[in-house]
Amino acid sequence: MAEFQLQPWMVVNSYMRDDYRLLVAGMAVRKIENAPEELQTLARNAFGAIPVPGARSFFRAHVIEQRKALAKAMQNQPQVAALVIALWAHAADAQINLLKQAGEMAGLQFSEEWNWQKGMEGFFDFEEIPVFYTLAEKLGEHASTQDADHLKLAALWLAPAVTNRDALATVDTAETTETQAEDSESESKESSKES
């Protein structure tokens, strides 16, 4: 059985480009008003303590300044990082559902009790969830860079919700071999066309 260890959401910053972190922070700021009441209260309390240069308080600042301050704070404040990701998950519902459907088609089973509180507890590294990471990569192949990044973050968010966790770490070797065979076959056709 594979070992799964939850990482705190602050660690996810090491996977993020600065521009994507700003995007996620901006999505979180815009989602506060529509978030579940408890999440809204937690976010308002935590974000309210974040200083924003040139503004009397976080919530009086312009959204551009808010997202900069939030992106900075989520790199060294574990609670802020977890709240940002929980708010992002509400905003990125479409990408999360798309990945969940692909996961179900691939044989993954998801907990019925999964919610934002459980999601805030942390994530599994990509190395521990190669099946989900591959699904996210494939879905993101023809998407914009931002959507591809959302799908990868969705894989991190959703993986702890999987109940048959061994399936996360077991790449179907038959499928992989088949795909490799198809790839090499198309490569040989291409090279024969060129010669």
Protein backbone atom coordinates (compact mmCIF):
# COMPACT_ATOMS: atom_id res chain seq x y z
CA MET A 1 0.00 0.00 0.00
CA ALA A 2 1.32 3.43 -0.97
CA GLU A 3 2.23 5.95 1.72
CA PHE A 4 0.32 9.21 1.51
CA GLN A 5 1.38 12.19 3.56
CA LEU A 6 -0.64 15.39 3.68
CA GLN A 7 1.42 18.50 2.98
CA PRO A 8 0.24 21.87 4.33
CA TRP A 9 -1.09 24.17 1.60
CA MET A 10 1.73 26.65 2.15
CA VAL A 11 4.04 24.08 0.47
CA VAL A 12 2.02 24.38 -2.78
CA ASN A 13 3.74 27.74 -3.37
CA SER A 14 6.84 25.83 -4.49
CA TYR A 15 4.79 24.51 -7.44
CA MET A 16 3.41 27.90 -8.45
CA ARG A 17 4.74 30.53 -10.81
CA ASP A 18 4.36 34.06 -9.41
CA ASP A 19 1.75 35.02 -12.03
CA TYR A 20 -0.34 31.95 -11.26
CA ARG A 21 -0.14 32.61 -7.50
CA LEU A 22 -1.47 36.13 -8.18
CA LEU A 23 -4.30 34.67 -10.27
CA VAL A 24 -5.26 32.20 -7.51
CA ALA A 25 -5.14 34.99 -4.89
CA GLY A 26 -7.34 37.19 -7.10
CA MET A 27 -9.86 34.38 -7.57
CA ALA A 28 -9.93 33.87 -3.79
CA VAL A 29 -10.55 37.59 -3.10
CA ARG A 30 -13.43 37.70 -5.58
CA LYS A 31 -15.00 34.54 -4.15
CA ILE A 32 -15.18 35.63 -0.48
CA GLU A 33 -18.69 37.11 -0.75
CA ASN A 34 -20.13 33.96 -2.35
CA ALA A 35 -18.32 31.47 -0.11
CA PRO A 36 -20.07 29.40 2.58
CA GLU A 37 -20.63 31.52 5.70
CA GLU A 38 -18.02 29.79 7.86
CA LEU A 39 -15.34 30.01 5.15
CA GLN A 40 -16.27 33.66 4.58
CA THR A 41 -15.84 34.45 8.28
CA LEU A 42 -12.50 32.62 8.53
CA ALA A 43 -11.21 34.40 5.40
CA ARG A 44 -12.36 37.84 6.57
CA ASN A 45 -10.67 37.36 9.96
CA ALA A 46 -7.39 36.02 8.51
CA PHE A 47 -7.17 38.37 5.52
CA GLY A 48 -8.18 41.39 7.60
CA ALA A 49 -4.87 41.10 9.48
CA ILE A 50 -2.80 41.26 6.26
CA PRO A 51 -1.22 44.69 5.72
CA VAL A 52 -1.73 46.30 2.30
CA PRO A 53 0.66 49.15 1.43
CA GLY A 54 -1.22 52.42 0.92
CA ALA A 55 -4.52 51.16 2.38
CA ARG A 56 -5.97 51.47 5.89
CA SER A 57 -7.05 47.84 5.84
CA PHE A 58 -7.04 44.80 3.57
CA PHE A 59 -10.72 45.12 2.68
CA ARG A 60 -10.47 48.85 1.86
CA ALA A 61 -7.67 48.24 -0.64
CA HIS A 62 -8.23 47.84 -4.38
CA VAL A 63 -8.59 44.20 -5.50
CA ILE A 64 -5.24 44.40 -7.36
CA GLU A 65 -3.47 45.39 -4.14
CA GLN A 66 -5.45 42.79 -2.17
CA ARG A 67 -4.32 39.96 -4.43
CA LYS A 68 -0.67 41.10 -4.25
CA ALA A 69 -0.80 41.16 -0.44
CA LEU A 70 -2.62 37.82 -0.35
CA ALA A 71 -0.17 36.16 -2.77
CA LYS A 72 2.68 37.34 -0.54
CA ALA A 73 1.00 36.24 2.71
CA MET A 74 0.11 32.77 1.41
CA GLN A 75 3.83 32.03 1.04
CA ASN A 76 4.55 32.29 4.77
CA GLN A 77 1.20 32.01 6.59
CA PRO A 78 -0.19 28.44 6.61
CA GLN A 79 -3.77 29.46 7.52
CA VAL A 80 -3.89 32.09 4.77
CA ALA A 81 -2.57 29.60 2.19
CA ALA A 82 -5.23 27.02 3.13
CA LEU A 83 -8.02 29.63 3.02
CA VAL A 84 -6.88 30.94 -0.37
CA ILE A 85 -6.91 27.42 -1.81
CA ALA A 86 -10.35 26.68 -0.31
CA LEU A 87 -11.75 29.87 -1.88
CA TRP A 88 -9.97 29.06 -5.16
CA ALA A 89 -11.65 25.62 -5.11
CA HIS A 90 -15.07 27.32 -5.06
CA ALA A 91 -14.03 29.56 -7.96
CA ALA A 92 -12.48 26.70 -9.98
CA ASP A 93 -15.47 24.41 -9.60
CA ALA A 94 -15.66 23.70 -13.36
CA GLN A 95 -12.06 22.45 -13.59
CA ILE A 96 -12.39 20.43 -10.38
CA ASN A 97 -15.58 18.73 -11.63
CA LEU A 98 -14.01 18.00 -15.02
CA LEU A 99 -11.05 16.30 -13.34
CA LYS A 100 -13.32 14.44 -10.91
CA GLN A 101 -15.35 13.04 -13.83
CA ALA A 102 -12.15 11.95 -15.57
CA GLY A 103 -10.99 10.36 -12.31
CA GLU A 104 -14.25 8.44 -11.94
CA MET A 105 -13.92 7.18 -15.52
CA ALA A 106 -10.41 6.02 -14.62
CA GLY A 107 -11.77 4.05 -11.65
CA LEU A 108 -11.15 6.50 -8.81
CA GLN A 109 -13.79 6.72 -6.09
CA PHE A 110 -14.45 9.91 -4.13
CA SER A 111 -15.69 10.41 -0.58
CA GLU A 112 -19.26 11.66 -0.33
CA GLU A 113 -18.27 13.67 2.77
CA TRP A 114 -15.56 15.68 0.97
CA ASN A 115 -15.88 19.41 1.65
CA TRP A 116 -13.77 22.55 1.85
CA GLN A 117 -12.90 21.94 5.53
CA LYS A 118 -11.34 18.58 4.66
CA GLY A 119 -9.70 20.10 1.60
CA MET A 120 -7.99 22.73 3.75
CA GLU A 121 -6.16 20.00 5.70
CA GLY A 122 -3.60 19.61 2.92
CA PHE A 123 -2.61 17.82 -0.27
CA PHE A 124 -0.52 14.89 -1.53
CA ASP A 125 2.58 15.63 -3.60
CA PHE A 126 2.36 14.96 -7.34
CA GLU A 127 4.86 12.08 -6.93
CA GLU A 128 2.31 10.26 -4.74
CA ILE A 129 -0.57 10.67 -7.22
CA PRO A 130 0.85 9.91 -10.70
CA VAL A 131 -2.52 8.69 -12.03
CA PHE A 132 -4.30 11.92 -11.12
CA TYR A 133 -1.38 14.05 -12.29
CA THR A 134 -1.41 12.28 -15.69
CA LEU A 135 -5.17 12.83 -16.00
CA ALA A 136 -4.75 16.54 -15.22
CA GLU A 137 -1.90 16.80 -17.76
CA LYS A 138 -3.95 15.11 -20.49
CA LEU A 139 -7.00 17.29 -19.84
CA GLY A 140 -4.79 20.37 -19.90
CA GLU A 141 -2.96 19.52 -23.14
CA HIS A 142 -5.24 21.65 -25.31
CA ALA A 143 -6.29 24.15 -22.64
CA SER A 144 -4.88 27.58 -21.88
CA THR A 145 -1.87 27.71 -19.55
CA GLN A 146 -4.11 29.00 -16.76
CA ASP A 147 -6.68 26.21 -17.19
CA ALA A 148 -3.90 23.61 -17.35
CA ASP A 149 -2.53 25.01 -14.07
CA HIS A 150 -6.03 24.96 -12.54
CA LEU A 151 -6.36 21.28 -13.47
CA LYS A 152 -3.03 20.44 -11.79
CA LEU A 153 -4.05 22.34 -8.66
CA ALA A 154 -7.41 20.55 -8.84
CA ALA A 155 -5.53 17.22 -8.77
CA LEU A 156 -3.80 18.28 -5.55
CA TRP A 157 -7.10 19.50 -4.07
CA LEU A 158 -9.10 16.37 -4.98
CA ALA A 159 -6.57 13.59 -4.35
CA PRO A 160 -7.20 13.38 -0.57
CA ALA A 161 -10.92 12.87 -1.37
CA VAL A 162 -10.12 9.61 -3.19
CA THR A 163 -11.19 6.59 -1.12
CA ASN A 164 -9.40 3.91 -3.18
CA ARG A 165 -6.04 5.65 -2.76
CA ASP A 166 -3.89 2.80 -4.10
CA ALA A 167 -5.45 3.55 -7.49
CA LEU A 168 -3.86 7.04 -7.35
CA ALA A 169 -0.39 5.59 -7.35
CA THR A 170 -0.90 2.69 -9.76
CA VAL A 171 -0.40 3.68 -13.36
CA ASP A 172 -2.15 1.20 -15.65
CA THR A 173 0.87 -0.36 -17.36
CA ALA A 174 -1.24 -1.92 -20.13
CA GLU A 175 -2.64 1.48 -21.06
CA THR A 176 0.80 3.10 -20.81
CA THR A 177 2.35 0.40 -23.01
CA GLU A 178 -0.49 0.74 -25.51
CA THR A 179 -0.03 4.53 -25.65
CA GLN A 180 3.74 4.12 -26.10
CA ALA A 181 3.14 1.61 -28.90
CA GLU A 182 0.76 4.03 -30.63
CA ASP A 183 3.27 6.87 -30.23
CA SER A 184 6.15 4.86 -31.69
CA GLU A 185 3.89 3.62 -34.52
CA SER A 186 2.90 7.19 -35.46
CA GLU A 187 6.56 8.28 -35.21
CA SER A 188 7.64 5.50 -37.59
CA LYS A 189 4.87 6.52 -40.03
CA GLU A 190 6.05 10.12 -39.87
CA SER A 191 9.68 9.16 -40.49
CA SER A 192 8.70 6.86 -43.40
CA LYS A 193 6.76 9.77 -44.95
CA GLU A 194 9.82 11.99 -44.67
CA SER A 195 12.18 9.46 -46.34
